Amino acid sequence: MSHSSSIHSKNMQTDPQEMGLDSKLTFANYVVNSSNRTAHELARLISQQSEKGNSLFLYGDTGLGKTHLLNAIGNNTADRARYVTSEHFNRECTAAEQSDDPDDLIRFRQKYLDLDVLLFDDIHSLNRRLTVVKEFDTIRRMLRRDGKRIVVTANARINALDNLDACTQNWLARGISAKLSQPELITRTTILLNLANQFEAEIPDDVFLYIADLYPRNIRTMKSAMIRMLTTEARKWPAITLERVKAFFDDRRPITTVLNRSSQGKPADTTESHTGSTATIDDKGRTIIVTVQLQ
């Protein structure tokens, strides 16, 4: 590729959706708190520093905002950025490798080498197949050689990512990393308040506190539950009240029932036990999980 065509490609206006980005996930609507402040500051910094290559590793449990930060970086930078999940990368790489056209693998690799910023989500799900890991390592090395930026997320620390080769683990360990922890109650309620404003919904404070308390660990699940309520039953209510919200979530929360009984041919006082579970749906749409312990 000539120098002039490379410059043209970099400055060309690109549809965020074509680059895998969600334009709604920005720094402006990311709720910052003590559990994610360092990750947020580093993400903003790497989105603005285009003069030199940097890498950033963000890790933490599922649903704490890592994907939001990746998209915010891509939406905030003036450079060419692409968001991709490891599952999508796995499928693309495997398809290119198995294609009858040898140029497909070249085109696959070039799509990533043309970037200024690679935003790679959930590297813990990168396929263990040697060819996929090697292809990621090749792309990573070439981007770093050219001073490009790479941001990677995972749900575990680097030393727990046993699907990666030693070179990739060492590269992550040498870079900058930040952990996202479980957010405080006030942070979760603020996230719900912002979500309610997007839907122009009038919701009492006690409802925010109730829903936030139901989901202490996973922001993504909490937001999905709130959206499900606002787009279904809440449309029929004259007003959103704590009583109606409690009934809504109680009707949809899994019910676990444990039954103890003697197994055929075994005395009831034996110490050996077997457990099995079945799930059914009742007339209210609730999932009932029945666990039977045979003693």
Protein backbone atom coordinates (compact mmCIF):
# COMPACT_ATOMS: atom_id res chain seq x y z
CA MET A 1 0.00 0.00 0.00
CA SER A 2 1.37 3.40 -0.93
CA HIS A 3 1.88 6.15 1.61
CA SER A 4 -0.84 8.33 0.08
CA SER A 5 -3.44 5.54 0.10
CA SER A 6 -2.58 4.75 3.73
CA ILE A 7 -3.20 8.38 4.75
CA HIS A 8 -6.48 8.41 2.83
CA SER A 9 -7.62 5.24 4.57
CA LYS A 10 -6.81 6.66 8.00
CA ASN A 11 -8.65 9.94 7.50
CA MET A 12 -11.64 8.43 5.72
CA GLN A 13 -14.94 8.79 7.59
CA THR A 14 -16.04 5.37 8.80
CA ASP A 15 -19.43 4.23 10.04
CA PRO A 16 -18.95 3.13 13.68
CA GLN A 17 -21.26 0.18 13.10
CA GLU A 18 -19.03 -1.05 10.28
CA MET A 19 -16.16 -1.04 12.76
CA GLY A 20 -18.16 -3.08 15.27
CA LEU A 21 -18.75 -0.07 17.54
CA ASP A 22 -21.91 0.75 19.46
CA SER A 23 -22.26 4.53 19.13
CA LYS A 24 -24.44 4.69 22.26
CA LEU A 25 -21.60 3.51 24.52
CA THR A 26 -19.54 6.62 25.22
CA PHE A 27 -17.48 8.17 27.99
CA ALA A 28 -20.27 10.72 28.50
CA ASN A 29 -22.76 8.10 29.71
CA TYR A 30 -20.28 5.91 31.59
CA VAL A 31 -20.86 6.16 35.34
CA VAL A 32 -17.49 6.60 37.06
CA ASN A 33 -16.91 5.48 40.64
CA SER A 34 -14.17 4.09 42.86
CA SER A 35 -14.59 0.60 41.37
CA ASN A 36 -13.74 1.68 37.81
CA ARG A 37 -12.08 5.11 38.05
CA THR A 38 -8.58 3.93 37.14
CA ALA A 39 -9.85 1.89 34.19
CA HIS A 40 -11.90 4.86 32.98
CA GLU A 41 -8.98 7.30 33.21
CA LEU A 42 -6.63 4.95 31.36
CA ALA A 43 -9.24 4.29 28.68
CA ARG A 44 -9.74 8.03 28.07
CA LEU A 45 -6.00 8.53 27.92
CA ILE A 46 -5.39 5.80 25.36
CA SER A 47 -8.25 7.08 23.20
CA GLN A 48 -6.50 10.45 22.91
CA GLN A 49 -2.83 9.43 22.59
CA SER A 50 -2.26 8.72 18.92
CA GLU A 51 1.41 9.67 18.75
CA LYS A 52 2.72 6.37 20.13
CA GLY A 53 1.63 2.80 20.54
CA ASN A 54 0.23 1.73 23.88
CA SER A 55 -1.51 -1.33 25.19
CA LEU A 56 -4.10 -1.58 27.94
CA PHE A 57 -5.52 -4.65 29.66
CA LEU A 58 -8.87 -4.32 31.46
CA TYR A 59 -10.12 -7.21 33.56
CA GLY A 60 -12.95 -7.99 35.93
CA ASP A 61 -16.13 -10.01 36.27
CA THR A 62 -18.71 -10.12 33.50
CA GLY A 63 -21.07 -7.16 33.25
CA LEU A 64 -18.97 -4.49 35.00
CA GLY A 65 -18.45 -2.13 32.05
CA LYS A 66 -15.42 -3.40 30.14
CA THR A 67 -17.30 -3.57 26.84
CA HIS A 68 -18.66 -0.07 27.43
CA LEU A 69 -15.13 1.28 27.88
CA LEU A 70 -13.87 -0.43 24.72
CA ASN A 71 -16.65 1.14 22.68
CA ALA A 72 -16.13 4.51 24.37
CA ILE A 73 -12.47 4.44 23.30
CA GLY A 74 -13.46 3.71 19.71
CA ASN A 75 -16.13 6.40 19.68
CA ASN A 76 -13.81 8.99 21.24
CA THR A 77 -10.71 8.57 19.09
CA ALA A 78 -10.18 10.36 15.80
CA ASP A 79 -8.18 7.37 14.56
CA ARG A 80 -9.35 4.21 12.87
CA ALA A 81 -10.58 1.84 15.60
CA ARG A 82 -12.32 -1.52 15.43
CA TYR A 83 -14.17 -3.40 18.18
CA VAL A 84 -14.20 -7.19 17.96
CA THR A 85 -15.08 -10.00 20.34
CA SER A 86 -12.87 -13.05 20.57
CA GLU A 87 -15.79 -15.22 19.41
CA HIS A 88 -16.10 -13.17 16.22
CA PHE A 89 -12.34 -13.28 15.70
CA ASN A 90 -12.41 -17.07 16.17
CA ARG A 91 -15.08 -17.49 13.50
CA GLU A 92 -13.43 -15.12 11.04
CA CYS A 93 -10.00 -16.65 11.44
CA THR A 94 -11.27 -20.22 11.11
CA ALA A 95 -13.32 -19.37 8.01
CA ALA A 96 -10.35 -17.63 6.36
CA GLU A 97 -8.03 -20.50 7.21
CA GLN A 98 -10.41 -23.12 5.79
CA SER A 99 -11.28 -21.13 2.67
CA ASP A 100 -10.26 -22.43 -0.75
CA ASP A 101 -9.09 -18.92 -1.61
CA PRO A 102 -5.63 -18.35 -0.07
CA ASP A 103 -6.16 -14.59 -0.28
CA ASP A 104 -8.96 -14.78 2.31
CA LEU A 105 -6.43 -15.18 5.12
CA ILE A 106 -4.45 -12.21 3.80
CA ARG A 107 -7.60 -10.07 3.65
CA PHE A 108 -8.58 -11.17 7.14
CA ARG A 109 -5.22 -10.14 8.55
CA GLN A 110 -5.09 -6.87 6.60
CA LYS A 111 -8.46 -5.77 8.01
CA TYR A 112 -6.81 -5.58 11.43
CA LEU A 113 -3.43 -4.31 10.27
CA ASP A 114 -5.13 -1.25 8.72
CA LEU A 115 -6.27 -0.14 12.18
CA ASP A 116 -4.83 2.46 14.51
CA VAL A 117 -6.65 1.02 17.54
CA LEU A 118 -7.66 -2.62 18.06
CA LEU A 119 -10.33 -3.11 20.74
CA PHE A 120 -10.38 -6.82 21.57
CA ASP A 121 -13.09 -8.02 23.96
CA ASP A 122 -13.08 -11.20 26.07
CA ILE A 123 -9.66 -12.56 25.18
CA HIS A 124 -10.31 -15.38 27.65
CA SER A 125 -12.57 -16.86 24.94
CA LEU A 126 -9.90 -16.82 22.24
CA ASN A 127 -9.89 -20.25 20.62
CA ARG A 128 -7.14 -22.52 21.93
CA ARG A 129 -6.46 -23.81 18.41
CA LEU A 130 -2.85 -23.09 17.56
CA THR A 131 -3.65 -21.36 14.26
CA VAL A 132 -6.06 -18.89 15.87
CA VAL A 133 -3.69 -18.04 18.72
CA LYS A 134 -0.78 -17.67 16.28
CA GLU A 135 -2.82 -15.41 14.00
CA PHE A 136 -3.77 -13.15 16.89
CA ASP A 137 -0.14 -13.06 17.99
CA THR A 138 0.99 -12.16 14.45
CA ILE A 139 -1.53 -9.32 14.19
CA ARG A 140 -0.64 -8.12 17.67
CA ARG A 141 3.09 -8.07 16.90
CA MET A 142 2.67 -6.21 13.61
CA LEU A 143 0.39 -3.59 15.14
CA ARG A 144 2.84 -3.03 17.97
CA ARG A 145 5.72 -2.78 15.50
CA ASP A 146 3.88 0.03 13.72
CA GLY A 147 3.12 1.88 16.96
CA LYS A 148 -0.60 1.10 16.97
CA ARG A 149 -2.70 0.80 20.13
CA ILE A 150 -4.32 -2.38 21.44
CA VAL A 151 -6.86 -2.62 24.26
CA VAL A 152 -7.81 -6.07 25.54
CA THR A 153 -10.38 -7.21 28.10
CA ALA A 154 -10.83 -10.44 30.04
CA ASN A 155 -12.82 -11.78 32.96
CA ALA A 156 -9.71 -12.93 34.82
CA ARG A 157 -6.16 -11.93 35.67
CA ILE A 158 -3.41 -12.52 33.12
CA ASN A 159 -1.96 -15.57 34.88
CA ALA A 160 -5.39 -17.24 34.77
CA LEU A 161 -5.71 -16.95 30.97
CA ASP A 162 -4.47 -20.44 30.17
CA ASN A 163 -5.85 -20.29 26.62
CA LEU A 164 -3.10 -17.83 25.65
CA ASP A 165 0.45 -18.66 24.70
CA ALA A 166 3.36 -17.49 26.84
CA CYS A 167 4.29 -14.67 24.43
CA THR A 168 0.83 -13.10 24.58
CA GLN A 169 0.66 -13.45 28.36
CA ASN A 170 4.09 -11.82 28.72
CA TRP A 171 3.04 -8.97 26.43
CA LEU A 172 -0.07 -8.33 28.53
CA ALA A 173 1.97 -8.49 31.74
CA ARG A 174 4.42 -5.87 30.45
CA GLY A 175 1.64 -3.41 29.59
CA ILE A 176 -0.70 -1.29 31.67
CA SER A 177 -3.61 -3.04 33.35
CA ALA A 178 -6.60 -2.02 35.44
CA LYS A 179 -9.22 -4.02 37.31
CA LEU A 180 -12.93 -3.24 37.36
CA SER A 181 -14.57 -4.23 40.64
CA GLN A 182 -18.17 -4.60 41.72
CA PRO A 183 -19.81 -1.15 41.88
CA GLU A 184 -21.28 0.33 45.02
CA LEU A 185 -25.02 0.68 45.57
CA ILE A 186 -25.01 4.40 44.82
CA THR A 187 -23.27 3.73 41.50
CA ARG A 188 -25.81 1.10 40.51
CA THR A 189 -28.70 3.43 41.32
CA THR A 190 -27.08 6.19 39.25
CA ILE A 191 -26.81 3.83 36.29
CA LEU A 192 -30.50 2.97 36.64
CA LEU A 193 -31.40 6.66 36.88
CA ASN A 194 -29.56 7.38 33.63
CA LEU A 195 -31.34 4.46 32.00
CA ALA A 196 -34.73 5.73 33.19
CA ASN A 197 -33.94 9.15 31.71
CA GLN A 198 -33.26 7.54 28.34
CA PHE A 199 -36.74 6.00 28.45
CA GLU A 200 -38.25 9.21 29.86
CA ALA A 201 -39.69 7.14 32.70
CA GLU A 202 -40.71 8.60 36.07
CA ILE A 203 -39.45 6.18 38.71
CA PRO A 204 -39.40 6.69 42.50
CA ASP A 205 -36.07 6.48 44.32
CA ASP A 206 -37.13 3.40 46.29
CA VAL A 207 -37.56 1.50 43.01
CA PHE A 208 -34.01 2.32 41.94
CA LEU A 209 -32.71 1.12 45.29
CA TYR A 210 -34.76 -2.08 45.11
CA ILE A 211 -33.56 -3.05 41.61
CA ALA A 212 -29.96 -2.08 42.37
CA ASP A 213 -30.06 -4.27 45.46
CA LEU A 214 -31.31 -7.23 43.40
CA TYR A 215 -28.25 -7.12 41.12
CA PRO A 216 -25.11 -6.35 43.17
CA ARG A 217 -22.65 -8.12 40.85
CA ASN A 218 -23.60 -7.66 37.20
CA ILE A 219 -24.41 -4.25 35.72
CA ARG A 220 -25.31 -5.70 32.33
CA THR A 221 -27.89 -8.05 33.85
CA MET A 222 -29.28 -5.25 36.00
CA LYS A 223 -29.74 -2.95 33.01
CA SER A 224 -31.34 -5.73 30.96
CA ALA A 225 -33.82 -6.41 33.76
CA MET A 226 -34.70 -2.72 33.99
CA ILE A 227 -35.18 -2.45 30.23
CA ARG A 228 -37.33 -5.58 30.20
CA MET A 229 -39.58 -4.06 32.86
CA LEU A 230 -39.84 -0.68 31.11
CA THR A 231 -40.63 -2.20 27.73
CA THR A 232 -43.20 -4.77 28.91
CA GLU A 233 -45.39 -4.59 32.02
CA ALA A 234 -44.53 -1.01 32.99
CA ARG A 235 -46.20 0.23 29.80
CA LYS A 236 -49.54 -0.99 31.19
CA TRP A 237 -49.15 0.55 34.65
CA PRO A 238 -50.73 3.93 35.47
CA ALA A 239 -47.58 4.64 37.49
CA ILE A 240 -44.39 2.82 38.42
CA THR A 241 -44.50 1.98 42.12
CA LEU A 242 -42.37 -0.18 44.38
CA GLU A 243 -45.23 -2.64 44.91
CA ARG A 244 -45.73 -3.19 41.17
CA VAL A 245 -41.99 -3.51 40.59
CA LYS A 246 -41.63 -6.06 43.38
CA ALA A 247 -44.47 -8.11 41.92
CA PHE A 248 -42.87 -7.92 38.47
CA PHE A 249 -39.52 -9.25 39.65
CA ASP A 250 -41.00 -11.79 42.07
CA ASP A 251 -42.99 -13.31 39.20
CA ARG A 252 -39.82 -13.78 37.15
CA ARG A 253 -37.27 -14.80 39.74
CA PRO A 254 -36.32 -18.50 39.69
CA ILE A 255 -37.88 -20.48 42.53
CA THR A 256 -35.71 -23.24 43.96
CA THR A 257 -37.40 -26.04 45.85
CA VAL A 258 -35.50 -28.82 47.60
CA LEU A 259 -37.29 -32.10 48.22
CA ASN A 260 -35.80 -34.83 50.41
CA ARG A 261 -36.99 -38.38 49.95
CA SER A 262 -35.71 -41.91 50.36
CA SER A 263 -34.52 -43.65 47.23
CA GLN A 264 -35.96 -47.04 46.41
CA GLY A 265 -34.03 -49.89 47.93
CA LYS A 266 -32.01 -47.69 50.31
CA PRO A 267 -32.72 -47.00 53.96
CA ALA A 268 -33.57 -43.39 54.79
CA ASP A 269 -30.65 -43.00 57.20
CA THR A 270 -27.89 -43.87 54.70
CA THR A 271 -25.14 -41.27 54.31
CA GLU A 272 -24.95 -41.70 50.53
CA SER A 273 -26.96 -39.10 48.59
CA HIS A 274 -27.74 -38.25 44.99
CA THR A 275 -29.06 -34.95 43.70
CA GLY A 276 -30.90 -34.17 40.50
CA SER A 277 -32.64 -31.04 39.22
CA THR A 278 -35.46 -30.37 36.81
CA ALA A 279 -36.85 -27.05 35.60
CA THR A 280 -40.43 -26.28 34.62
CA ILE A 281 -42.39 -23.13 33.78
CA ASP A 282 -45.47 -22.30 35.83
CA ASP A 283 -48.58 -20.39 34.70
CA LYS A 284 -46.96 -17.06 35.59
CA GLY A 285 -43.93 -17.67 33.41
CA ARG A 286 -41.64 -18.36 36.35
CA THR A 287 -38.86 -20.92 36.19
CA ILE A 288 -39.27 -23.44 38.99
CA ILE A 289 -36.11 -25.44 39.71
CA VAL A 290 -36.85 -28.56 41.73
CA THR A 291 -33.84 -30.24 43.31
CA VAL A 292 -34.45 -33.77 44.54
CA GLN A 293 -32.02 -35.24 47.05
CA LEU A 294 -32.16 -39.02 47.28
CA GLN A 295 -30.88 -40.30 50.60
